[in-house]
């Protein structure tokens, strides 16, 4: 798998409650969204505080008062693996809901 990433592996689907659900992983829609985030989201710039490393759920709770938007933080910041991103002091874009 050297040189490959989630976007080069093709479309990914998951089964949920007996239905096939497409993921944005491997989606050209997601690839096209990331460079054009300014068109879709108004956001503020924040920084990952100490103790919040690799924890998009805690960052979501800090900014949105709920951990439920962890996935949006990863999406907007083009992070596929929070263990490789979201280090203390990293700049992150926080979308305004």
PDB file of N, CA and C in Angstrom:
ATOM      1  N   UNK A   1       0.811  -1.198   0.000  1.00  0.00           N
ATOM      2  CA  UNK A   1       0.000   0.000   0.000  1.00  0.00           C
ATOM      3  C   UNK A   1       0.853   1.260   0.000  1.00  0.00           C
ATOM      4  N   UNK A   2       2.123   1.140  -0.251  1.00  0.00           N
ATOM      5  CA  UNK A   2       2.975   2.321  -0.253  1.00  0.00           C
ATOM      6  C   UNK A   2       2.495   3.308  -1.309  1.00  0.00           C
ATOM      7  N   UNK A   3       2.429   4.576  -0.933  1.00  0.00           N
ATOM      8  CA  UNK A   3       2.013   5.610  -1.863  1.00  0.00           C
ATOM      9  C   UNK A   3       0.506   5.752  -1.996  1.00  0.00           C
ATOM     10  N   UNK A   4      -0.238   4.901  -1.347  1.00  0.00           N
ATOM     11  CA  UNK A   4      -1.697   4.982  -1.427  1.00  0.00           C
ATOM     12  C   UNK A   4      -2.241   5.668  -0.186  1.00  0.00           C
ATOM     13  N   UNK A   5      -3.392   6.276  -0.324  1.00  0.00           N
ATOM     14  CA  UNK A   5      -4.094   6.823   0.822  1.00  0.00           C
ATOM     15  C   UNK A   5      -5.557   6.454   0.693  1.00  0.00           C
ATOM     16  N   UNK A   6      -6.374   6.900   1.613  1.00  0.00           N
ATOM     17  CA  UNK A   6      -7.793   6.550   1.595  1.00  0.00           C
ATOM     18  C   UNK A   6      -8.455   6.954   0.295  1.00  0.00           C
ATOM     19  N   UNK A   7      -8.021   8.053  -0.300  1.00  0.00           N
ATOM     20  CA  UNK A   7      -8.680   8.555  -1.500  1.00  0.00           C
ATOM     21  C   UNK A   7      -8.313   7.769  -2.737  1.00  0.00           C
ATOM     22  N   UNK A   8      -7.209   7.019  -2.718  1.00  0.00           N
ATOM     23  CA  UNK A   8      -6.826   6.247  -3.887  1.00  0.00           C
ATOM     24  C   UNK A   8      -7.297   4.802  -3.796  1.00  0.00           C
ATOM     25  N   UNK A   9      -7.911   4.450  -2.718  1.00  0.00           N
ATOM     26  CA  UNK A   9      -8.356   3.069  -2.555  1.00  0.00           C
ATOM     27  C   UNK A   9      -9.725   2.808  -3.179  1.00  0.00           C
ATOM     28  N   UNK A  10     -10.386   3.829  -3.685  1.00  0.00           N
ATOM     29  CA  UNK A  10     -11.702   3.657  -4.279  1.00  0.00           C
ATOM     30  C   UNK A  10     -12.793   3.914  -3.274  1.00  0.00           C
ATOM     31  N   UNK A  11     -14.004   3.788  -3.730  1.00  0.00           N
ATOM     32  CA  UNK A  11     -15.166   4.072  -2.893  1.00  0.00           C
ATOM     33  C   UNK A  11     -15.286   3.054  -1.765  1.00  0.00           C
ATOM     34  N   UNK A  12     -15.659   3.525  -0.612  1.00  0.00           N
ATOM     35  CA  UNK A  12     -15.835   2.671   0.556  1.00  0.00           C
ATOM     36  C   UNK A  12     -17.292   2.747   0.981  1.00  0.00           C
ATOM     37  N   UNK A  13     -17.895   1.593   1.245  1.00  0.00           N
ATOM     38  CA  UNK A  13     -19.265   1.561   1.744  1.00  0.00           C
ATOM     39  C   UNK A  13     -19.294   0.742   3.025  1.00  0.00           C
ATOM     40  N   UNK A  14     -20.270   1.041   3.860  1.00  0.00           N
ATOM     41  CA  UNK A  14     -20.471   0.332   5.113  1.00  0.00           C
ATOM     42  C   UNK A  14     -21.903  -0.165   5.162  1.00  0.00           C
ATOM     43  N   UNK A  15     -22.093  -1.296   5.813  1.00  0.00           N
ATOM     44  CA  UNK A  15     -23.452  -1.783   5.997  1.00  0.00           C
ATOM     45  C   UNK A  15     -23.951  -1.301   7.349  1.00  0.00           C
ATOM     46  N   UNK A  16     -25.109  -0.677   7.353  1.00  0.00           N
ATOM     47  CA  UNK A  16     -25.714  -0.172   8.574  1.00  0.00           C
ATOM     48  C   UNK A  16     -27.200  -0.475   8.526  1.00  0.00           C
ATOM     49  N   UNK A  17     -27.658  -1.264   9.482  1.00  0.00           N
ATOM     50  CA  UNK A  17     -29.066  -1.648   9.560  1.00  0.00           C
ATOM     51  C   UNK A  17     -29.579  -2.232   8.245  1.00  0.00           C
ATOM     52  N   UNK A  18     -28.743  -3.064   7.642  1.00  0.00           N
ATOM     53  CA  UNK A  18     -29.138  -3.745   6.422  1.00  0.00           C
ATOM     54  C   UNK A  18     -29.035  -2.921   5.145  1.00  0.00           C
ATOM     55  N   UNK A  19     -28.509  -1.714   5.238  1.00  0.00           N
ATOM     56  CA  UNK A  19     -28.365  -0.863   4.052  1.00  0.00           C
ATOM     57  C   UNK A  19     -26.896  -0.573   3.803  1.00  0.00           C
ATOM     58  N   UNK A  20     -26.528  -0.425   2.542  1.00  0.00           N
ATOM     59  CA  UNK A  20     -25.180  -0.033   2.177  1.00  0.00           C
ATOM     60  C   UNK A  20     -25.105   1.493   2.203  1.00  0.00           C
ATOM     61  N   UNK A  21     -24.208   2.020   3.022  1.00  0.00           N
ATOM     62  CA  UNK A  21     -24.046   3.461   3.184  1.00  0.00           C
ATOM     63  C   UNK A  21     -22.697   3.860   2.593  1.00  0.00           C
ATOM     64  N   UNK A  22     -22.685   4.752   1.605  1.00  0.00           N
ATOM     65  CA  UNK A  22     -21.388   5.177   1.045  1.00  0.00           C
ATOM     66  C   UNK A  22     -20.662   6.113   2.001  1.00  0.00           C
ATOM     67  N   UNK A  23     -19.360   5.975   2.052  1.00  0.00           N
ATOM     68  CA  UNK A  23     -18.514   6.847   2.854  1.00  0.00           C
ATOM     69  C   UNK A  23     -17.951   7.937   1.962  1.00  0.00           C
ATOM     70  N   UNK A  24     -17.516   9.044   2.557  1.00  0.00           N
ATOM     71  CA  UNK A  24     -16.844  10.060   1.756  1.00  0.00           C
ATOM     72  C   UNK A  24     -15.418   9.638   1.430  1.00  0.00           C
ATOM     73  N   UNK A  25     -14.929   8.580   2.067  1.00  0.00           N
ATOM     74  CA  UNK A  25     -13.590   8.084   1.769  1.00  0.00           C
ATOM     75  C   UNK A  25     -13.578   7.581   0.329  1.00  0.00           C
ATOM     76  N   UNK A  26     -12.677   8.087  -0.470  1.00  0.00           N
ATOM     77  CA  UNK A  26     -12.599   7.700  -1.866  1.00  0.00           C
ATOM     78  C   UNK A  26     -13.556   8.467  -2.752  1.00  0.00           C
ATOM     79  N   UNK A  27     -14.248   9.423  -2.198  1.00  0.00           N
ATOM     80  CA  UNK A  27     -15.246  10.187  -2.937  1.00  0.00           C
ATOM     81  C   UNK A  27     -14.612  11.392  -3.618  1.00  0.00           C
ATOM     82  N   UNK A  28     -14.896  11.573  -4.895  1.00  0.00           N
ATOM     83  CA  UNK A  28     -14.400  12.767  -5.579  1.00  0.00           C
ATOM     84  C   UNK A  28     -15.084  14.009  -5.034  1.00  0.00           C
ATOM     85  N   UNK A  29     -16.297  13.863  -4.500  1.00  0.00           N
ATOM     86  CA  UNK A  29     -16.985  14.994  -3.884  1.00  0.00           C
ATOM     87  C   UNK A  29     -16.180  15.512  -2.701  1.00  0.00           C
ATOM     88  N   UNK A  30     -15.685  14.612  -1.858  1.00  0.00           N
ATOM     89  CA  UNK A  30     -14.881  15.030  -0.703  1.00  0.00           C
ATOM     90  C   UNK A  30     -13.568  15.640  -1.154  1.00  0.00           C
ATOM     91  N   UNK A  31     -12.954  15.056  -2.183  1.00  0.00           N
ATOM     92  CA  UNK A  31     -11.689  15.605  -2.671  1.00  0.00           C
ATOM     93  C   UNK A  31     -11.880  17.021  -3.201  1.00  0.00           C
ATOM     94  N   UNK A  32     -12.999  17.286  -3.840  1.00  0.00           N
ATOM     95  CA  UNK A  32     -13.265  18.609  -4.389  1.00  0.00           C
ATOM     96  C   UNK A  32     -13.713  19.596  -3.316  1.00  0.00           C
ATOM     97  N   UNK A  33     -14.301  19.113  -2.228  1.00  0.00           N
ATOM     98  CA  UNK A  33     -14.786  19.978  -1.156  1.00  0.00           C
ATOM     99  C   UNK A  33     -13.642  20.612  -0.378  1.00  0.00           C
ATOM    100  N   UNK A  34     -12.621  19.829  -0.067  1.00  0.00           N
ATOM    101  CA  UNK A  34     -11.560  20.289   0.827  1.00  0.00           C
ATOM    102  C   UNK A  34     -10.860  21.552   0.334  1.00  0.00           C
ATOM    103  N   UNK A  35     -10.470  21.669  -0.947  1.00  0.00           N
ATOM    104  CA  UNK A  35      -9.813  22.909  -1.369  1.00  0.00           C
ATOM    105  C   UNK A  35     -10.753  24.115  -1.447  1.00  0.00           C
ATOM    106  N   UNK A  36     -12.071  23.878  -1.384  1.00  0.00           N
ATOM    107  CA  UNK A  36     -13.030  24.965  -1.533  1.00  0.00           C
ATOM    108  C   UNK A  36     -13.827  25.229  -0.260  1.00  0.00           C
ATOM    109  N   UNK A  37     -13.251  24.934   0.895  1.00  0.00           N
ATOM    110  CA  UNK A  37     -13.989  25.054   2.149  1.00  0.00           C
ATOM    111  C   UNK A  37     -14.508  26.464   2.398  1.00  0.00           C
ATOM    112  N   UNK A  38     -13.789  27.474   1.912  1.00  0.00           N
ATOM    113  CA  UNK A  38     -14.243  28.854   2.122  1.00  0.00           C
ATOM    114  C   UNK A  38     -15.623  29.100   1.534  1.00  0.00           C
ATOM    115  N   UNK A  39     -15.976  28.357   0.497  1.00  0.00           N
ATOM    116  CA  UNK A  39     -17.291  28.522  -0.129  1.00  0.00           C
ATOM    117  C   UNK A  39     -18.407  27.897   0.709  1.00  0.00           C
ATOM    118  N   UNK A  40     -18.066  26.878   1.487  1.00  0.00           N
ATOM    119  CA  UNK A  40     -19.074  26.110   2.197  1.00  0.00           C
ATOM    120  C   UNK A  40     -19.157  26.410   3.685  1.00  0.00           C
ATOM    121  N   UNK A  41     -18.044  26.808   4.279  1.00  0.00           N
ATOM    122  CA  UNK A  41     -18.011  27.029   5.719  1.00  0.00           C
ATOM    123  C   UNK A  41     -17.432  28.393   6.038  1.00  0.00           C
ATOM    124  N   UNK A  42     -18.007  29.031   7.026  1.00  0.00           N
ATOM    125  CA  UNK A  42     -17.381  30.183   7.642  1.00  0.00           C
ATOM    126  C   UNK A  42     -16.699  29.606   8.880  1.00  0.00           C
ATOM    127  N   UNK A  43     -15.461  29.900   9.072  1.00  0.00           N
ATOM    128  CA  UNK A  43     -14.745  29.270  10.178  1.00  0.00           C
ATOM    129  C   UNK A  43     -13.843  30.264  10.881  1.00  0.00           C
ATOM    130  N   UNK A  44     -13.421  29.854  12.068  1.00  0.00           N
ATOM    131  CA  UNK A  44     -12.437  30.613  12.818  1.00  0.00           C
ATOM    132  C   UNK A  44     -11.200  29.743  12.989  1.00  0.00           C
ATOM    133  N   UNK A  45     -10.090  30.360  13.247  1.00  0.00           N
ATOM    134  CA  UNK A  45      -8.841  29.626  13.447  1.00  0.00           C
ATOM    135  C   UNK A  45      -8.654  29.418  14.940  1.00  0.00           C
ATOM    136  N   UNK A  46      -8.392  28.194  15.317  1.00  0.00           N
ATOM    137  CA  UNK A  46      -8.112  27.870  16.707  1.00  0.00           C
ATOM    138  C   UNK A  46      -6.819  27.074  16.788  1.00  0.00           C
ATOM    139  N   UNK A  47      -6.416  26.748  17.979  1.00  0.00           N
ATOM    140  CA  UNK A  47      -5.208  25.961  18.200  1.00  0.00           C
ATOM    141  C   UNK A  47      -5.530  24.830  19.157  1.00  0.00           C
ATOM    142  N   UNK A  48      -4.912  23.683  18.944  1.00  0.00           N
ATOM    143  CA  UNK A  48      -5.145  22.524  19.798  1.00  0.00           C
ATOM    144  C   UNK A  48      -4.478  22.778  21.141  1.00  0.00           C
ATOM    145  N   UNK A  49      -5.275  22.865  22.228  1.00  0.00           N
ATOM    146  CA  UNK A  49      -4.680  23.101  23.540  1.00  0.00           C
ATOM    147  C   UNK A  49      -4.006  21.840  24.095  1.00  0.00           C
ATOM    148  N   UNK A  50      -3.079  22.028  24.998  1.00  0.00           N
ATOM    149  CA  UNK A  50      -2.427  20.897  25.673  1.00  0.00           C
ATOM    150  C   UNK A  50      -3.498  20.059  26.361  1.00  0.00           C
ATOM    151  N   UNK A  51      -3.376  18.764  26.241  1.00  0.00           N
ATOM    152  CA  UNK A  51      -4.353  17.852  26.827  1.00  0.00           C
ATOM    153  C   UNK A  51      -5.461  17.459  25.865  1.00  0.00           C
ATOM    154  N   UNK A  52      -5.523  18.102  24.695  1.00  0.00           N
ATOM    155  CA  UNK A  52      -6.551  17.799  23.703  1.00  0.00           C
ATOM    156  C   UNK A  52      -5.949  17.128  22.465  1.00  0.00           C
ATOM    157  N   UNK A  53      -4.683  16.743  22.544  1.00  0.00           N
ATOM    158  CA  UNK A  53      -4.003  16.126  21.414  1.00  0.00           C
ATOM    159  C   UNK A  53      -4.736  14.869  20.974  1.00  0.00           C
ATOM    160  N   UNK A  54      -4.882  14.732  19.659  1.00  0.00           N
ATOM    161  CA  UNK A  54      -5.455  13.529  19.052  1.00  0.00           C
ATOM    162  C   UNK A  54      -6.879  13.248  19.531  1.00  0.00           C
ATOM    163  N   UNK A  55      -7.588  14.251  20.009  1.00  0.00           N
ATOM    164  CA  UNK A  55      -8.936  14.055  20.548  1.00  0.00           C
ATOM    165  C   UNK A  55      -9.925  15.031  19.897  1.00  0.00           C
ATOM    166  N   UNK A  56     -10.363  14.739  18.679  1.00  0.00           N
ATOM    167  CA  UNK A  56     -11.321  15.628  18.030  1.00  0.00           C
ATOM    168  C   UNK A  56     -12.636  15.736  18.791  1.00  0.00           C
ATOM    169  N   UNK A  57     -12.974  14.706  19.574  1.00  0.00           N
ATOM    170  CA  UNK A  57     -14.199  14.758  20.370  1.00  0.00           C
ATOM    171  C   UNK A  57     -14.106  15.827  21.448  1.00  0.00           C
ATOM    172  N   UNK A  58     -12.929  15.950  22.088  1.00  0.00           N
ATOM    173  CA  UNK A  58     -12.755  16.975  23.112  1.00  0.00           C
ATOM    174  C   UNK A  58     -12.716  18.372  22.506  1.00  0.00           C
ATOM    175  N   UNK A  59     -12.092  18.493  21.329  1.00  0.00           N
ATOM    176  CA  UNK A  59     -12.051  19.788  20.645  1.00  0.00           C
ATOM    177  C   UNK A  59     -13.459  20.204  20.238  1.00  0.00           C
ATOM    178  N   UNK A  60     -14.247  19.249  19.738  1.00  0.00           N
ATOM    179  CA  UNK A  60     -15.640  19.524  19.393  1.00  0.00           C
ATOM    180  C   UNK A  60     -16.426  19.972  20.618  1.00  0.00           C
ATOM    181  N   UNK A  61     -16.218  19.290  21.730  1.00  0.00           N
ATOM    182  CA  UNK A  61     -16.919  19.658  22.964  1.00  0.00           C
ATOM    183  C   UNK A  61     -16.517  21.054  23.440  1.00  0.00           C
ATOM    184  N   UNK A  62     -15.247  21.398  23.266  1.00  0.00           N
ATOM    185  CA  UNK A  62     -14.750  22.712  23.669  1.00  0.00           C
ATOM    186  C   UNK A  62     -15.417  23.828  22.855  1.00  0.00           C
ATOM    187  N   UNK A  63     -15.542  23.649  21.544  1.00  0.00           N
ATOM    188  CA  UNK A  63     -16.053  24.705  20.670  1.00  0.00           C
ATOM    189  C   UNK A  63     -17.570  24.659  20.478  1.00  0.00           C
ATOM    190  N   UNK A  64     -18.160  23.441  20.503  1.00  0.00           N
ATOM    191  CA  UNK A  64     -19.579  23.304  20.183  1.00  0.00           C
ATOM    192  C   UNK A  64     -20.439  22.832  21.353  1.00  0.00           C
ATOM    193  N   UNK A  65     -19.840  22.627  22.507  1.00  0.00           N
ATOM    194  CA  UNK A  65     -20.539  22.103  23.689  1.00  0.00           C
ATOM    195  C   UNK A  65     -21.146  20.725  23.460  1.00  0.00           C
ATOM    196  N   UNK A  66     -20.595  19.985  22.508  1.00  0.00           N
ATOM    197  CA  UNK A  66     -20.979  18.596  22.263  1.00  0.00           C
ATOM    198  C   UNK A  66     -19.816  17.903  21.559  1.00  0.00           C
ATOM    199  N   UNK A  67     -19.562  16.640  21.886  1.00  0.00           N
ATOM    200  CA  UNK A  67     -18.493  15.921  21.194  1.00  0.00           C
ATOM    201  C   UNK A  67     -18.913  15.415  19.814  1.00  0.00           C
ATOM    202  N   UNK A  68     -20.164  15.612  19.446  1.00  0.00           N
ATOM    203  CA  UNK A  68     -20.729  15.013  18.243  1.00  0.00           C
ATOM    204  C   UNK A  68     -20.190  15.534  16.922  1.00  0.00           C
ATOM    205  N   UNK A  69     -19.497  16.657  16.913  1.00  0.00           N
ATOM    206  CA  UNK A  69     -18.984  17.214  15.655  1.00  0.00           C
ATOM    207  C   UNK A  69     -17.498  16.931  15.447  1.00  0.00           C
ATOM    208  N   UNK A  70     -16.997  15.880  16.086  1.00  0.00           N
ATOM    209  CA  UNK A  70     -15.604  15.484  15.920  1.00  0.00           C
ATOM    210  C   UNK A  70     -15.267  15.235  14.460  1.00  0.00           C
ATOM    211  N   UNK A  71     -16.199  14.597  13.742  1.00  0.00           N
ATOM    212  CA  UNK A  71     -15.980  14.245  12.340  1.00  0.00           C
ATOM    213  C   UNK A  71     -15.858  15.490  11.458  1.00  0.00           C
ATOM    214  N   UNK A  72     -16.598  16.566  11.801  1.00  0.00           N
ATOM    215  CA  UNK A  72     -16.549  17.789  11.021  1.00  0.00           C
ATOM    216  C   UNK A  72     -15.194  18.472  11.185  1.00  0.00           C
ATOM    217  N   UNK A  73     -14.648  18.431  12.384  1.00  0.00           N
ATOM    218  CA  UNK A  73     -13.324  19.005  12.621  1.00  0.00           C
ATOM    219  C   UNK A  73     -12.279  18.260  11.791  1.00  0.00           C
ATOM    220  N   UNK A  74     -12.373  16.934  11.754  1.00  0.00           N
ATOM    221  CA  UNK A  74     -11.438  16.162  10.941  1.00  0.00           C
ATOM    222  C   UNK A  74     -11.618  16.476   9.459  1.00  0.00           C
ATOM    223  N   UNK A  75     -12.851  16.550   8.999  1.00  0.00           N
ATOM    224  CA  UNK A  75     -13.127  16.818   7.593  1.00  0.00           C
ATOM    225  C   UNK A  75     -12.612  18.185   7.162  1.00  0.00           C
ATOM    226  N   UNK A  76     -12.958  19.221   7.915  1.00  0.00           N
ATOM    227  CA  UNK A  76     -12.577  20.582   7.557  1.00  0.00           C
ATOM    228  C   UNK A  76     -11.057  20.760   7.571  1.00  0.00           C
ATOM    229  N   UNK A  77     -10.381  20.030   8.430  1.00  0.00           N
ATOM    230  CA  UNK A  77      -8.929  20.161   8.530  1.00  0.00           C
ATOM    231  C   UNK A  77      -8.178  19.105   7.716  1.00  0.00           C
ATOM    232  N   UNK A  78      -8.930  18.334   6.908  1.00  0.00           N
ATOM    233  CA  UNK A  78      -8.346  17.316   6.024  1.00  0.00           C
ATOM    234  C   UNK A  78      -7.472  16.326   6.797  1.00  0.00           C
ATOM    235  N   UNK A  79      -8.010  15.844   7.917  1.00  0.00           N
ATOM    236  CA  UNK A  79      -7.301  14.876   8.755  1.00  0.00           C
ATOM    237  C   UNK A  79      -8.054  13.554   8.671  1.00  0.00           C
ATOM    238  N   UNK A  80      -7.373  12.520   8.201  1.00  0.00           N
ATOM    239  CA  UNK A  80      -8.024  11.216   8.114  1.00  0.00           C
ATOM    240  C   UNK A  80      -7.751  10.358   9.341  1.00  0.00           C
ATOM    241  N   UNK A  81      -6.683  10.671  10.069  1.00  0.00           N
ATOM    242  CA  UNK A  81      -6.334   9.906  11.258  1.00  0.00           C
ATOM    243  C   UNK A  81      -5.948  10.878  12.378  1.00  0.00           C
ATOM    244  N   UNK A  82      -6.795  11.023  13.398  1.00  0.00           N
ATOM    245  CA  UNK A  82      -6.493  11.981  14.467  1.00  0.00           C
ATOM    246  C   UNK A  82      -5.230  11.645  15.246  1.00  0.00           C
ATOM    247  N   UNK A  83      -4.740  10.409  15.156  1.00  0.00           N
ATOM    248  CA  UNK A  83      -3.502  10.052  15.854  1.00  0.00           C
ATOM    249  C   UNK A  83      -2.273  10.597  15.132  1.00  0.00           C
ATOM    250  N   UNK A  84      -2.446  10.999  13.864  1.00  0.00           N
ATOM    251  CA  UNK A  84      -1.343  11.604  13.124  1.00  0.00           C
ATOM    252  C   UNK A  84      -1.455  13.121  13.098  1.00  0.00           C
ATOM    253  N   UNK A  85      -2.634  13.654  13.380  1.00  0.00           N
ATOM    254  CA  UNK A  85      -2.847  15.091  13.368  1.00  0.00           C
ATOM    255  C   UNK A  85      -3.316  15.547  14.733  1.00  0.00           C
ATOM    256  N   UNK A  86      -3.688  16.797  14.825  1.00  0.00           N
ATOM    257  CA  UNK A  86      -4.212  17.369  16.067  1.00  0.00           C
ATOM    258  C   UNK A  86      -3.206  17.277  17.213  1.00  0.00           C
ATOM    259  N   UNK A  87      -2.015  17.729  16.940  1.00  0.00           N
ATOM    260  CA  UNK A  87      -0.996  17.796  17.985  1.00  0.00           C
ATOM    261  C   UNK A  87      -1.135  19.102  18.755  1.00  0.00           C
ATOM    262  N   UNK A  88      -0.652  19.132  19.969  1.00  0.00           N
ATOM    263  CA  UNK A  88      -0.726  20.330  20.792  1.00  0.00           C
ATOM    264  C   UNK A  88      -0.093  21.510  20.063  1.00  0.00           C
ATOM    265  N   UNK A  89      -0.833  22.605  19.976  1.00  0.00           N
ATOM    266  CA  UNK A  89      -0.360  23.810  19.312  1.00  0.00           C
ATOM    267  C   UNK A  89      -0.666  23.888  17.832  1.00  0.00           C
ATOM    268  N   UNK A  90      -1.155  22.793  17.240  1.00  0.00           N
ATOM    269  CA  UNK A  90      -1.510  22.813  15.816  1.00  0.00           C
ATOM    270  C   UNK A  90      -2.649  23.792  15.565  1.00  0.00           C
ATOM    271  N   UNK A  91      -2.564  24.482  14.437  1.00  0.00           N
ATOM    272  CA  UNK A  91      -3.650  25.364  14.025  1.00  0.00           C
ATOM    273  C   UNK A  91      -4.755  24.499  13.430  1.00  0.00           C
ATOM    274  N   UNK A  92      -5.994  24.761  13.832  1.00  0.00           N
ATOM    275  CA  UNK A  92      -7.152  24.045  13.304  1.00  0.00           C
ATOM    276  C   UNK A  92      -8.219  25.043  12.891  1.00  0.00           C
ATOM    277  N   UNK A  93      -8.960  24.668  11.853  1.00  0.00           N
ATOM    278  CA  UNK A  93     -10.082  25.475  11.416  1.00  0.00           C
ATOM    279  C   UNK A  93     -11.330  24.934  12.101  1.00  0.00           C
ATOM    280  N   UNK A  94     -12.066  25.822  12.751  1.00  0.00           N
ATOM    281  CA  UNK A  94     -13.293  25.455  13.456  1.00  0.00           C
ATOM    282  C   UNK A  94     -14.461  26.071  12.696  1.00  0.00           C
ATOM    283  N   UNK A  95     -15.288  25.213  12.045  1.00  0.00           N
ATOM    284  CA  UNK A  95     -16.403  25.773  11.282  1.00  0.00           C
ATOM    285  C   UNK A  95     -17.458  26.384  12.208  1.00  0.00           C
ATOM    286  N   UNK A  96     -18.045  27.475  11.754  1.00  0.00           N
ATOM    287  CA  UNK A  96     -19.154  28.077  12.496  1.00  0.00           C
ATOM    288  C   UNK A  96     -20.425  27.360  12.070  1.00  0.00           C
ATOM    289  N   UNK A  97     -21.165  26.871  13.024  1.00  0.00           N
ATOM    290  CA  UNK A  97     -22.395  26.142  12.733  1.00  0.00           C
ATOM    291  C   UNK A  97     -23.586  27.075  12.679  1.00  0.00           C
TER     292      UNK A  97
END
